[in-house]
Amino acid sequence: MTTDLAAELRSATRTAHEQAEAMPFVSALMAGRVPLDAYVDLLTQHHAVYAALEAAEPFVRADPAGATLLFDALARSAAIEHDLAVLRGPTWRATVRTLPATQRYVDRLRTVAGTWVGGYAAHAYTRYLGDLSGGVTIRGVLRREYGLGDDALHFYAFPGLGKPKPFKDLYRARLDALPWDDAERARVAAEAGVAFGLNADVFADLGAVHLP
């Protein structure tokens, strides 16, 4: 019997997810113990990652199964650009630096997401469902600890999707409906684990820069 892909992804990434949440940079950010510039730095790393992920969409759209995973309202690049313009000014691009771990993440996305629909599915699941699941909590921290208003928090707003839970249920159902056998689903789940590892490496690099 074919395993539900969404359940396999969740199982394959559970430990890595917990480890990422416990990383020093994440803990410090959620406690308001790093300067706002550290969050802005995180946002610039996110921009590079999402730009690479979203660059794969034309390839994915050409595949009938892959196209079912594409939703314009999920795209984060424009929202991040808006937030960075608010937080760092209209010339924010001139101040961007891509950390080594971020560059490795981007390189991986260019290698797999734009050439393998399963690779895109693994990374899209990791990023977008993570945003929808944890975004409300992070947005609350940024409001409370850093005094940010909604105009600087577009990254965490998904006005075109409706309520998060029904959409996440829909997205998981579409993952489960992908016409892949158990071997391919296991390969996708393994790639999601790679995605979590790459994300954790970005947090480690940020910690090296911003934590004492």
N, C-alpha and C. Protein backbone atom coordinates (compact mmCIF):
# COMPACT_ATOMS: atom_id res chain seq x y z
N MET A 1 0.85 -1.20 0.00
CA MET A 1 0.00 0.00 0.00
C MET A 1 0.88 1.25 0.00
N THR A 2 0.53 2.22 -0.84
CA THR A 2 1.32 3.44 -0.93
C THR A 2 1.14 4.29 0.33
N THR A 3 2.23 4.75 0.88
CA THR A 3 2.20 5.59 2.08
C THR A 3 1.77 7.00 1.71
N ASP A 4 0.93 7.62 2.55
CA ASP A 4 0.57 9.03 2.33
C ASP A 4 1.84 9.87 2.39
N LEU A 5 2.05 10.68 1.35
CA LEU A 5 3.29 11.45 1.29
C LEU A 5 3.37 12.47 2.40
N ALA A 6 2.27 13.15 2.69
CA ALA A 6 2.30 14.18 3.74
C ALA A 6 2.69 13.58 5.08
N ALA A 7 2.15 12.41 5.39
CA ALA A 7 2.50 11.75 6.66
C ALA A 7 3.96 11.32 6.66
N GLU A 8 4.44 10.85 5.52
CA GLU A 8 5.84 10.43 5.44
C GLU A 8 6.78 11.63 5.59
N LEU A 9 6.41 12.74 5.00
CA LEU A 9 7.21 13.97 5.14
C LEU A 9 7.23 14.42 6.60
N ARG A 10 6.09 14.40 7.23
CA ARG A 10 6.01 14.83 8.63
C ARG A 10 6.87 13.93 9.51
N SER A 11 6.78 12.62 9.30
CA SER A 11 7.56 11.68 10.10
C SER A 11 9.05 11.82 9.85
N ALA A 12 9.43 12.01 8.59
CA ALA A 12 10.84 12.07 8.23
C ALA A 12 11.53 13.32 8.74
N THR A 13 10.74 14.38 9.00
CA THR A 13 11.34 15.66 9.37
C THR A 13 11.08 16.06 10.82
N ARG A 14 10.37 15.22 11.56
CA ARG A 14 9.97 15.61 12.92
C ARG A 14 11.17 15.93 13.80
N THR A 15 12.16 15.05 13.82
CA THR A 15 13.33 15.26 14.68
C THR A 15 14.12 16.48 14.25
N ALA A 16 14.33 16.61 12.94
CA ALA A 16 15.08 17.76 12.43
C ALA A 16 14.36 19.06 12.74
N HIS A 17 13.04 19.04 12.70
CA HIS A 17 12.24 20.22 13.02
C HIS A 17 12.45 20.62 14.48
N GLU A 18 12.39 19.65 15.36
CA GLU A 18 12.58 19.93 16.78
C GLU A 18 13.99 20.45 17.05
N GLN A 19 14.98 19.88 16.38
CA GLN A 19 16.35 20.33 16.58
C GLN A 19 16.54 21.76 16.08
N ALA A 20 15.91 22.09 14.94
CA ALA A 20 16.04 23.45 14.41
C ALA A 20 15.42 24.47 15.35
N GLU A 21 14.27 24.12 15.94
CA GLU A 21 13.60 25.05 16.86
C GLU A 21 14.42 25.30 18.12
N ALA A 22 15.27 24.34 18.47
CA ALA A 22 16.07 24.48 19.70
C ALA A 22 17.43 25.13 19.46
N MET A 23 17.71 25.52 18.22
CA MET A 23 19.02 26.11 17.94
C MET A 23 19.17 27.46 18.65
N PRO A 24 20.37 27.80 19.09
CA PRO A 24 20.57 29.03 19.88
C PRO A 24 20.05 30.29 19.20
N PHE A 25 20.27 30.44 17.90
CA PHE A 25 19.80 31.65 17.24
C PHE A 25 18.29 31.74 17.29
N VAL A 26 17.61 30.63 17.04
CA VAL A 26 16.14 30.63 17.06
C VAL A 26 15.64 30.94 18.46
N SER A 27 16.22 30.31 19.46
CA SER A 27 15.80 30.55 20.84
C SER A 27 15.99 32.01 21.23
N ALA A 28 17.13 32.57 20.83
CA ALA A 28 17.43 33.97 21.16
C ALA A 28 16.47 34.92 20.46
N LEU A 29 16.17 34.65 19.20
CA LEU A 29 15.24 35.49 18.46
C LEU A 29 13.85 35.44 19.09
N MET A 30 13.39 34.25 19.43
CA MET A 30 12.05 34.12 19.98
C MET A 30 11.94 34.73 21.37
N ALA A 31 13.06 34.90 22.04
CA ALA A 31 13.06 35.52 23.37
C ALA A 31 13.37 37.01 23.30
N GLY A 32 13.59 37.53 22.10
CA GLY A 32 13.92 38.95 21.94
C GLY A 32 15.30 39.30 22.44
N ARG A 33 16.23 38.34 22.40
CA ARG A 33 17.56 38.55 22.95
C ARG A 33 18.62 38.87 21.89
N VAL A 34 18.20 39.09 20.66
CA VAL A 34 19.14 39.55 19.64
C VAL A 34 18.61 40.86 19.08
N PRO A 35 19.46 41.70 18.53
CA PRO A 35 18.98 42.97 17.99
C PRO A 35 18.10 42.75 16.76
N LEU A 36 17.31 43.75 16.46
CA LEU A 36 16.43 43.67 15.30
C LEU A 36 17.22 43.37 14.03
N ASP A 37 18.44 43.87 13.96
CA ASP A 37 19.25 43.65 12.76
C ASP A 37 19.48 42.16 12.51
N ALA A 38 19.49 41.35 13.57
CA ALA A 38 19.65 39.91 13.39
C ALA A 38 18.45 39.32 12.68
N TYR A 39 17.25 39.80 13.01
CA TYR A 39 16.06 39.34 12.29
C TYR A 39 16.11 39.80 10.84
N VAL A 40 16.52 41.03 10.62
CA VAL A 40 16.62 41.53 9.25
C VAL A 40 17.60 40.69 8.45
N ASP A 41 18.70 40.29 9.08
CA ASP A 41 19.66 39.42 8.42
C ASP A 41 19.01 38.08 8.06
N LEU A 42 18.23 37.52 8.99
CA LEU A 42 17.50 36.30 8.69
C LEU A 42 16.58 36.49 7.49
N LEU A 43 15.90 37.62 7.44
CA LEU A 43 14.98 37.89 6.35
C LEU A 43 15.71 37.97 5.02
N THR A 44 16.91 38.54 5.00
CA THR A 44 17.67 38.60 3.75
C THR A 44 18.09 37.21 3.30
N GLN A 45 18.39 36.33 4.24
CA GLN A 45 18.73 34.95 3.87
C GLN A 45 17.48 34.25 3.31
N HIS A 46 16.34 34.49 3.93
CA HIS A 46 15.09 33.93 3.42
C HIS A 46 14.84 34.40 1.99
N HIS A 47 15.14 35.64 1.71
CA HIS A 47 14.88 36.16 0.37
C HIS A 47 15.64 35.38 -0.68
N ALA A 48 16.90 35.09 -0.41
CA ALA A 48 17.70 34.33 -1.36
C ALA A 48 17.12 32.93 -1.56
N VAL A 49 16.68 32.31 -0.48
CA VAL A 49 16.13 30.95 -0.54
C VAL A 49 14.82 30.93 -1.32
N TYR A 50 13.91 31.85 -1.00
CA TYR A 50 12.62 31.84 -1.69
C TYR A 50 12.75 32.23 -3.15
N ALA A 51 13.66 33.12 -3.47
CA ALA A 51 13.87 33.47 -4.87
C ALA A 51 14.30 32.24 -5.66
N ALA A 52 15.18 31.42 -5.07
CA ALA A 52 15.63 30.20 -5.75
C ALA A 52 14.50 29.19 -5.86
N LEU A 53 13.71 29.03 -4.79
CA LEU A 53 12.59 28.08 -4.83
C LEU A 53 11.56 28.50 -5.87
N GLU A 54 11.23 29.78 -5.89
CA GLU A 54 10.19 30.25 -6.80
C GLU A 54 10.66 30.32 -8.25
N ALA A 55 11.97 30.35 -8.45
CA ALA A 55 12.51 30.30 -9.81
C ALA A 55 12.24 28.94 -10.46
N ALA A 56 11.97 27.93 -9.65
CA ALA A 56 11.69 26.59 -10.18
C ALA A 56 10.25 26.43 -10.65
N GLU A 57 9.39 27.39 -10.38
CA GLU A 57 7.97 27.20 -10.65
C GLU A 57 7.63 26.97 -12.12
N PRO A 58 8.27 27.64 -13.08
CA PRO A 58 7.93 27.33 -14.48
C PRO A 58 8.17 25.86 -14.84
N PHE A 59 9.26 25.29 -14.33
CA PHE A 59 9.53 23.87 -14.57
C PHE A 59 8.44 23.01 -13.93
N VAL A 60 8.08 23.33 -12.70
CA VAL A 60 7.08 22.53 -11.99
C VAL A 60 5.71 22.67 -12.65
N ARG A 61 5.39 23.87 -13.11
CA ARG A 61 4.08 24.11 -13.72
C ARG A 61 3.90 23.30 -15.00
N ALA A 62 4.99 22.97 -15.66
CA ALA A 62 4.90 22.19 -16.90
C ALA A 62 4.56 20.73 -16.65
N ASP A 63 4.63 20.30 -15.41
CA ASP A 63 4.29 18.93 -15.04
C ASP A 63 2.87 18.93 -14.47
N PRO A 64 1.94 18.15 -15.05
CA PRO A 64 0.55 18.20 -14.57
C PRO A 64 0.40 17.92 -13.08
N ALA A 65 1.17 16.97 -12.56
CA ALA A 65 1.08 16.67 -11.13
C ALA A 65 1.71 17.78 -10.30
N GLY A 66 2.88 18.21 -10.69
CA GLY A 66 3.56 19.27 -9.95
C GLY A 66 2.78 20.56 -9.91
N ALA A 67 2.06 20.85 -11.01
CA ALA A 67 1.31 22.10 -11.08
C ALA A 67 0.25 22.20 -9.99
N THR A 68 -0.20 21.07 -9.46
CA THR A 68 -1.22 21.10 -8.41
C THR A 68 -0.69 21.67 -7.10
N LEU A 69 0.63 21.77 -6.97
CA LEU A 69 1.24 22.29 -5.74
C LEU A 69 1.51 23.79 -5.80
N LEU A 70 1.22 24.41 -6.93
CA LEU A 70 1.54 25.82 -7.10
C LEU A 70 0.35 26.71 -6.76
N PHE A 71 0.59 27.66 -5.88
CA PHE A 71 -0.42 28.65 -5.48
C PHE A 71 0.27 30.00 -5.46
N ASP A 72 -0.23 30.92 -6.25
CA ASP A 72 0.40 32.24 -6.30
C ASP A 72 0.47 32.89 -4.93
N ALA A 73 -0.54 32.65 -4.10
CA ALA A 73 -0.59 33.30 -2.79
C ALA A 73 0.45 32.78 -1.82
N LEU A 74 1.12 31.66 -2.14
CA LEU A 74 2.18 31.16 -1.28
C LEU A 74 3.50 31.92 -1.48
N ALA A 75 3.70 32.47 -2.65
CA ALA A 75 4.99 33.10 -2.98
C ALA A 75 5.37 34.13 -1.93
N ARG A 76 6.62 34.09 -1.48
CA ARG A 76 7.06 34.95 -0.38
C ARG A 76 8.05 36.03 -0.80
N SER A 77 8.63 35.93 -1.98
CA SER A 77 9.70 36.86 -2.34
C SER A 77 9.25 38.31 -2.30
N ALA A 78 8.11 38.60 -2.91
CA ALA A 78 7.65 39.99 -2.95
C ALA A 78 7.33 40.49 -1.54
N ALA A 79 6.75 39.64 -0.70
CA ALA A 79 6.44 40.04 0.67
C ALA A 79 7.71 40.34 1.45
N ILE A 80 8.73 39.51 1.26
CA ILE A 80 10.01 39.76 1.94
C ILE A 80 10.63 41.06 1.46
N GLU A 81 10.57 41.30 0.16
CA GLU A 81 11.12 42.55 -0.38
C GLU A 81 10.42 43.76 0.21
N HIS A 82 9.11 43.66 0.37
CA HIS A 82 8.36 44.76 1.00
C HIS A 82 8.85 44.99 2.43
N ASP A 83 8.97 43.91 3.19
CA ASP A 83 9.40 44.04 4.60
C ASP A 83 10.80 44.61 4.69
N LEU A 84 11.70 44.16 3.83
CA LEU A 84 13.07 44.66 3.87
C LEU A 84 13.13 46.14 3.51
N ALA A 85 12.28 46.58 2.59
CA ALA A 85 12.24 48.00 2.25
C ALA A 85 11.78 48.83 3.44
N VAL A 86 10.84 48.28 4.22
CA VAL A 86 10.37 48.98 5.42
C VAL A 86 11.45 49.00 6.50
N LEU A 87 12.11 47.86 6.69
CA LEU A 87 13.05 47.72 7.80
C LEU A 87 14.43 48.30 7.51
N ARG A 88 14.84 48.26 6.25
CA ARG A 88 16.19 48.68 5.93
C ARG A 88 16.24 49.80 4.90
N GLY A 89 15.11 50.19 4.36
CA GLY A 89 15.07 51.29 3.42
C GLY A 89 15.10 50.81 1.98
N PRO A 90 14.82 51.71 1.04
CA PRO A 90 14.69 51.32 -0.37
C PRO A 90 15.98 50.80 -1.00
N THR A 91 17.11 51.07 -0.37
CA THR A 91 18.38 50.59 -0.92
C THR A 91 18.86 49.31 -0.22
N TRP A 92 17.93 48.55 0.35
CA TRP A 92 18.30 47.37 1.14
C TRP A 92 19.13 46.37 0.34
N ARG A 93 18.91 46.28 -0.96
CA ARG A 93 19.65 45.30 -1.76
C ARG A 93 21.16 45.55 -1.71
N ALA A 94 21.55 46.80 -1.53
CA ALA A 94 22.98 47.14 -1.51
C ALA A 94 23.65 46.65 -0.23
N THR A 95 22.86 46.31 0.78
CA THR A 95 23.44 45.89 2.06
C THR A 95 23.34 44.38 2.28
N VAL A 96 22.79 43.66 1.32
CA VAL A 96 22.58 42.22 1.49
C VAL A 96 23.89 41.45 1.43
N ARG A 97 24.06 40.52 2.35
CA ARG A 97 25.17 39.58 2.25
C ARG A 97 24.58 38.18 2.40
N THR A 98 25.01 37.29 1.53
CA THR A 98 24.53 35.92 1.56
C THR A 98 25.51 35.07 2.34
N LEU A 99 25.04 34.48 3.43
CA LEU A 99 25.90 33.67 4.26
C LEU A 99 26.26 32.36 3.55
N PRO A 100 27.39 31.75 3.90
CA PRO A 100 27.79 30.51 3.23
C PRO A 100 26.74 29.42 3.26
N ALA A 101 26.07 29.24 4.40
CA ALA A 101 25.04 28.20 4.49
C ALA A 101 23.86 28.53 3.59
N THR A 102 23.53 29.81 3.46
CA THR A 102 22.45 30.22 2.57
C THR A 102 22.81 29.91 1.14
N GLN A 103 24.05 30.16 0.76
CA GLN A 103 24.47 29.88 -0.61
C GLN A 103 24.39 28.38 -0.91
N ARG A 104 24.74 27.55 0.06
CA ARG A 104 24.61 26.10 -0.14
C ARG A 104 23.15 25.72 -0.31
N TYR A 105 22.28 26.34 0.45
CA TYR A 105 20.84 26.10 0.35
C TYR A 105 20.35 26.49 -1.05
N VAL A 106 20.73 27.67 -1.48
CA VAL A 106 20.33 28.14 -2.81
C VAL A 106 20.85 27.20 -3.90
N ASP A 107 22.09 26.79 -3.78
CA ASP A 107 22.66 25.87 -4.77
C ASP A 107 21.89 24.56 -4.83
N ARG A 108 21.49 24.06 -3.66
CA ARG A 108 20.72 22.82 -3.63
C ARG A 108 19.37 23.00 -4.31
N LEU A 109 18.72 24.11 -4.05
CA LEU A 109 17.44 24.38 -4.69
C LEU A 109 17.58 24.45 -6.20
N ARG A 110 18.63 25.11 -6.65
CA ARG A 110 18.84 25.21 -8.10
C ARG A 110 19.10 23.84 -8.71
N THR A 111 19.73 22.97 -7.94
CA THR A 111 20.06 21.64 -8.44
C THR A 111 18.85 20.73 -8.50
N VAL A 112 18.00 20.76 -7.46
CA VAL A 112 16.92 19.78 -7.39
C VAL A 112 15.53 20.33 -7.70
N ALA A 113 15.20 21.54 -7.23
CA ALA A 113 13.82 22.01 -7.37
C ALA A 113 13.46 22.33 -8.81
N GLY A 114 14.43 22.77 -9.59
CA GLY A 114 14.15 23.14 -10.97
C GLY A 114 14.39 22.03 -11.97
N THR A 115 14.70 20.83 -11.46
CA THR A 115 14.97 19.69 -12.35
C THR A 115 14.20 18.44 -11.96
N TRP A 116 13.60 18.46 -10.79
CA TRP A 116 12.92 17.27 -10.25
C TRP A 116 11.70 17.76 -9.47
N VAL A 117 10.52 17.40 -9.92
CA VAL A 117 9.29 17.86 -9.27
C VAL A 117 9.24 17.40 -7.82
N GLY A 118 9.73 16.20 -7.55
CA GLY A 118 9.77 15.73 -6.17
C GLY A 118 10.66 16.58 -5.30
N GLY A 119 11.75 17.07 -5.86
CA GLY A 119 12.63 17.97 -5.11
C GLY A 119 11.94 19.27 -4.77
N TYR A 120 11.19 19.80 -5.74
CA TYR A 120 10.42 21.01 -5.45
C TYR A 120 9.40 20.73 -4.35
N ALA A 121 8.70 19.60 -4.45
CA ALA A 121 7.68 19.27 -3.45
C ALA A 121 8.28 19.20 -2.06
N ALA A 122 9.46 18.59 -1.94
CA ALA A 122 10.11 18.46 -0.64
C ALA A 122 10.44 19.82 -0.05
N HIS A 123 11.00 20.69 -0.85
CA HIS A 123 11.41 22.00 -0.34
C HIS A 123 10.22 22.93 -0.15
N ALA A 124 9.22 22.85 -1.02
CA ALA A 124 8.03 23.68 -0.85
C ALA A 124 7.28 23.29 0.41
N TYR A 125 7.14 21.99 0.65
CA TYR A 125 6.50 21.52 1.89
C TYR A 125 7.23 22.08 3.11
N THR A 126 8.55 21.98 3.09
CA THR A 126 9.36 22.42 4.23
C THR A 126 9.19 23.90 4.50
N ARG A 127 9.22 24.69 3.44
CA ARG A 127 9.18 26.14 3.63
C ARG A 127 7.75 26.64 3.84
N TYR A 128 6.87 26.38 2.90
CA TYR A 128 5.56 27.02 2.94
C TYR A 128 4.68 26.52 4.09
N LEU A 129 4.64 25.22 4.31
CA LEU A 129 3.83 24.75 5.43
C LEU A 129 4.44 25.15 6.76
N GLY A 130 5.76 25.27 6.80
CA GLY A 130 6.40 25.81 8.00
C GLY A 130 6.00 27.24 8.26
N ASP A 131 5.94 28.04 7.20
CA ASP A 131 5.52 29.44 7.35
C ASP A 131 4.10 29.53 7.87
N LEU A 132 3.22 28.70 7.32
CA LEU A 132 1.83 28.74 7.74
C LEU A 132 1.64 28.21 9.15
N SER A 133 2.49 27.26 9.56
CA SER A 133 2.33 26.68 10.90
C SER A 133 2.94 27.55 11.98
N GLY A 134 4.15 28.06 11.74
CA GLY A 134 4.85 28.82 12.77
C GLY A 134 4.79 30.32 12.61
N GLY A 135 4.25 30.77 11.50
CA GLY A 135 4.28 32.19 11.21
C GLY A 135 3.52 33.05 12.22
N VAL A 136 2.38 32.54 12.69
CA VAL A 136 1.60 33.32 13.65
C VAL A 136 2.39 33.54 14.93
N THR A 137 3.08 32.50 15.40
CA THR A 137 3.88 32.62 16.62
C THR A 137 5.03 33.60 16.43
N ILE A 138 5.74 33.47 15.32
CA ILE A 138 6.88 34.36 15.07
C ILE A 138 6.42 35.80 14.91
N ARG A 139 5.33 35.99 14.19
CA ARG A 139 4.80 37.34 14.01
C ARG A 139 4.46 37.96 15.36
N GLY A 140 3.88 37.18 16.27
CA GLY A 140 3.57 37.69 17.60
C GLY A 140 4.81 38.11 18.36
N VAL A 141 5.88 37.32 18.25
CA VAL A 141 7.14 37.67 18.90
C VAL A 141 7.70 38.96 18.33
N LEU A 142 7.67 39.10 17.02
CA LEU A 142 8.22 40.29 16.38
C LEU A 142 7.42 41.54 16.77
N ARG A 143 6.13 41.39 16.94
CA ARG A 143 5.33 42.52 17.40
C ARG A 143 5.65 42.87 18.85
N ARG A 144 5.69 41.84 19.69
CA ARG A 144 5.84 42.06 21.13
C ARG A 144 7.26 42.46 21.52
N GLU A 145 8.24 41.73 21.01
CA GLU A 145 9.62 41.94 21.44
C GLU A 145 10.36 43.01 20.65
N TYR A 146 9.94 43.22 19.40
CA TYR A 146 10.68 44.15 18.55
C TYR A 146 9.84 45.34 18.09
N GLY A 147 8.56 45.34 18.46
CA GLY A 147 7.72 46.49 18.16
C GLY A 147 7.38 46.67 16.70
N LEU A 148 7.42 45.60 15.93
CA LEU A 148 7.13 45.72 14.50
C LEU A 148 5.62 45.76 14.27
N GLY A 149 5.23 46.59 13.31
CA GLY A 149 3.83 46.66 12.91
C GLY A 149 3.57 45.81 11.69
N ASP A 150 2.30 45.71 11.31
CA ASP A 150 1.92 44.84 10.21
C ASP A 150 2.63 45.21 8.91
N ASP A 151 2.98 46.48 8.73
CA ASP A 151 3.61 46.89 7.48
C ASP A 151 4.99 46.27 7.30
N ALA A 152 5.60 45.81 8.39
CA ALA A 152 6.91 45.15 8.30
C ALA A 152 6.80 43.65 8.43
N LEU A 153 5.58 43.12 8.39
CA LEU A 153 5.37 41.69 8.64
C LEU A 153 4.57 41.03 7.52
N HIS A 154 4.75 41.50 6.31
CA HIS A 154 4.05 40.91 5.18
C HIS A 154 4.47 39.46 4.94
N PHE A 155 5.68 39.12 5.32
CA PHE A 155 6.18 37.76 5.14
C PHE A 155 5.26 36.73 5.79
N TYR A 156 4.62 37.12 6.88
CA TYR A 156 3.79 36.18 7.64
C TYR A 156 2.31 36.31 7.31
N ALA A 157 1.98 37.08 6.29
CA ALA A 157 0.58 37.29 5.91
C ALA A 157 0.29 36.57 4.59
N PHE A 158 -0.79 35.81 4.57
CA PHE A 158 -1.19 35.07 3.37
C PHE A 158 -2.64 35.41 3.04
N PRO A 159 -2.92 36.64 2.62
CA PRO A 159 -4.31 37.06 2.45
C PRO A 159 -5.07 36.29 1.38
N GLY A 160 -4.37 35.68 0.45
CA GLY A 160 -5.07 34.98 -0.63
C GLY A 160 -5.39 33.54 -0.35
N LEU A 161 -5.07 33.05 0.84
CA LEU A 161 -5.25 31.62 1.12
C LEU A 161 -6.42 31.30 2.04
N GLY A 162 -6.98 32.29 2.69
CA GLY A 162 -8.02 32.01 3.67
C GLY A 162 -7.42 31.51 4.97
N LYS A 163 -8.18 30.76 5.74
CA LYS A 163 -7.69 30.26 7.03
C LYS A 163 -6.60 29.22 6.81
N PRO A 164 -5.53 29.27 7.64
CA PRO A 164 -4.38 28.38 7.42
C PRO A 164 -4.72 26.89 7.46
N LYS A 165 -5.52 26.44 8.44
CA LYS A 165 -5.72 25.00 8.57
C LYS A 165 -6.40 24.38 7.36
N PRO A 166 -7.50 24.93 6.86
CA PRO A 166 -8.10 24.32 5.67
C PRO A 166 -7.14 24.30 4.48
N PHE A 167 -6.34 25.36 4.36
CA PHE A 167 -5.40 25.35 3.24
C PHE A 167 -4.32 24.29 3.44
N LYS A 168 -3.79 24.16 4.65
CA LYS A 168 -2.78 23.13 4.90
C LYS A 168 -3.36 21.75 4.64
N ASP A 169 -4.61 21.53 5.00
CA ASP A 169 -5.25 20.25 4.72
C ASP A 169 -5.33 20.01 3.22
N LEU A 170 -5.69 21.05 2.48
CA LEU A 170 -5.75 20.95 1.01
C LEU A 170 -4.38 20.63 0.43
N TYR A 171 -3.35 21.32 0.93
CA TYR A 171 -2.01 21.12 0.40
C TYR A 171 -1.53 19.69 0.68
N ARG A 172 -1.78 19.21 1.88
CA ARG A 172 -1.39 17.83 2.21
C ARG A 172 -2.15 16.83 1.34
N ALA A 173 -3.42 17.11 1.07
CA ALA A 173 -4.19 16.22 0.21
C ALA A 173 -3.61 16.19 -1.19
N ARG A 174 -3.15 17.31 -1.66
CA ARG A 174 -2.55 17.34 -3.00
C ARG A 174 -1.20 16.61 -3.02
N LEU A 175 -0.45 16.72 -1.92
CA LEU A 175 0.77 15.92 -1.83
C LEU A 175 0.44 14.43 -1.89
N ASP A 176 -0.57 14.03 -1.14
CA ASP A 176 -0.95 12.62 -1.10
C ASP A 176 -1.44 12.12 -2.45
N ALA A 177 -1.99 13.02 -3.26
CA ALA A 177 -2.56 12.63 -4.55
C ALA A 177 -1.52 12.54 -5.66
N LEU A 178 -0.29 12.95 -5.38
CA LEU A 178 0.74 12.89 -6.42
C LEU A 178 0.97 11.45 -6.83
N PRO A 179 1.09 11.18 -8.13
CA PRO A 179 1.11 9.80 -8.63
C PRO A 179 2.49 9.16 -8.56
N TRP A 180 3.03 9.08 -7.35
CA TRP A 180 4.37 8.54 -7.16
C TRP A 180 4.31 7.26 -6.34
N ASP A 181 5.22 6.35 -6.63
CA ASP A 181 5.26 5.11 -5.87
C ASP A 181 6.01 5.30 -4.56
N ASP A 182 6.07 4.24 -3.77
CA ASP A 182 6.69 4.34 -2.44
C ASP A 182 8.15 4.75 -2.53
N ALA A 183 8.86 4.26 -3.53
CA ALA A 183 10.28 4.59 -3.65
C ALA A 183 10.48 6.09 -3.90
N GLU A 184 9.64 6.65 -4.77
CA GLU A 184 9.75 8.08 -5.06
C GLU A 184 9.34 8.91 -3.85
N ARG A 185 8.33 8.48 -3.15
CA ARG A 185 7.88 9.21 -1.96
C ARG A 185 8.95 9.18 -0.87
N ALA A 186 9.63 8.06 -0.75
CA ALA A 186 10.73 7.98 0.22
C ALA A 186 11.87 8.91 -0.18
N ARG A 187 12.11 9.01 -1.47
CA ARG A 187 13.15 9.92 -1.96
C ARG A 187 12.78 11.37 -1.67
N VAL A 188 11.52 11.71 -1.85
CA VAL A 188 11.05 13.07 -1.56
C VAL A 188 11.18 13.36 -0.07
N ALA A 189 10.80 12.39 0.77
CA ALA A 189 10.91 12.58 2.21
C ALA A 189 12.36 12.78 2.63
N ALA A 190 13.27 12.04 2.01
CA ALA A 190 14.69 12.21 2.32
C ALA A 190 15.17 13.60 1.93
N GLU A 191 14.66 14.13 0.83
CA GLU A 191 15.06 15.47 0.41
C GLU A 191 14.51 16.53 1.36
N ALA A 192 13.33 16.29 1.92
CA ALA A 192 12.80 17.22 2.92
C ALA A 192 13.72 17.25 4.13
N GLY A 193 14.28 16.10 4.49
CA GLY A 193 15.27 16.08 5.57
C GLY A 193 16.49 16.91 5.24
N VAL A 194 16.92 16.84 3.99
CA VAL A 194 18.04 17.68 3.54
C VAL A 194 17.68 19.15 3.68
N ALA A 195 16.44 19.50 3.31
CA ALA A 195 15.99 20.89 3.40
C ALA A 195 16.05 21.39 4.84
N PHE A 196 15.60 20.58 5.78
CA PHE A 196 15.66 20.98 7.19
C PHE A 196 17.10 21.15 7.64
N GLY A 197 17.98 20.28 7.18
CA GLY A 197 19.39 20.42 7.53
C GLY A 197 19.99 21.70 7.00
N LEU A 198 19.66 22.04 5.78
CA LEU A 198 20.17 23.28 5.18
C LEU A 198 19.65 24.50 5.94
N ASN A 199 18.38 24.45 6.32
CA ASN A 199 17.81 25.54 7.09
C ASN A 199 18.50 25.69 8.44
N ALA A 200 18.78 24.56 9.09
CA ALA A 200 19.48 24.60 10.37
C ALA A 200 20.88 25.18 10.21
N ASP A 201 21.52 24.88 9.10
CA ASP A 201 22.86 25.44 8.86
C ASP A 201 22.80 26.97 8.73
N VAL A 202 21.72 27.47 8.14
CA VAL A 202 21.57 28.93 8.06
C VAL A 202 21.44 29.52 9.46
N PHE A 203 20.66 28.88 10.32
CA PHE A 203 20.54 29.36 11.69
C PHE A 203 21.89 29.32 12.41
N ALA A 204 22.68 28.30 12.13
CA ALA A 204 24.00 28.21 12.75
C ALA A 204 24.89 29.35 12.30
N ASP A 205 24.86 29.66 11.01
CA ASP A 205 25.66 30.78 10.50
C ASP A 205 25.20 32.11 11.11
N LEU A 206 23.88 32.28 11.22
CA LEU A 206 23.36 33.50 11.83
C LEU A 206 23.77 33.59 13.30
N GLY A 207 23.76 32.47 13.99
CA GLY A 207 24.21 32.47 15.37
C GLY A 207 25.66 32.86 15.50
N ALA A 208 26.48 32.38 14.57
CA ALA A 208 27.90 32.72 14.62
C ALA A 208 28.13 34.22 14.44
N VAL A 209 27.23 34.86 13.71
CA VAL A 209 27.36 36.30 13.45
C VAL A 209 26.77 37.14 14.57
N HIS A 210 25.62 36.71 15.08
CA HIS A 210 24.84 37.61 15.96
C HIS A 210 24.82 37.24 17.43
N LEU A 211 25.27 36.05 17.79
CA LEU A 211 25.28 35.68 19.20
C LEU A 211 26.67 35.86 19.79
N PRO A 212 26.75 36.26 21.05
CA PRO A 212 28.07 36.48 21.67
C PRO A 212 28.82 35.16 21.85
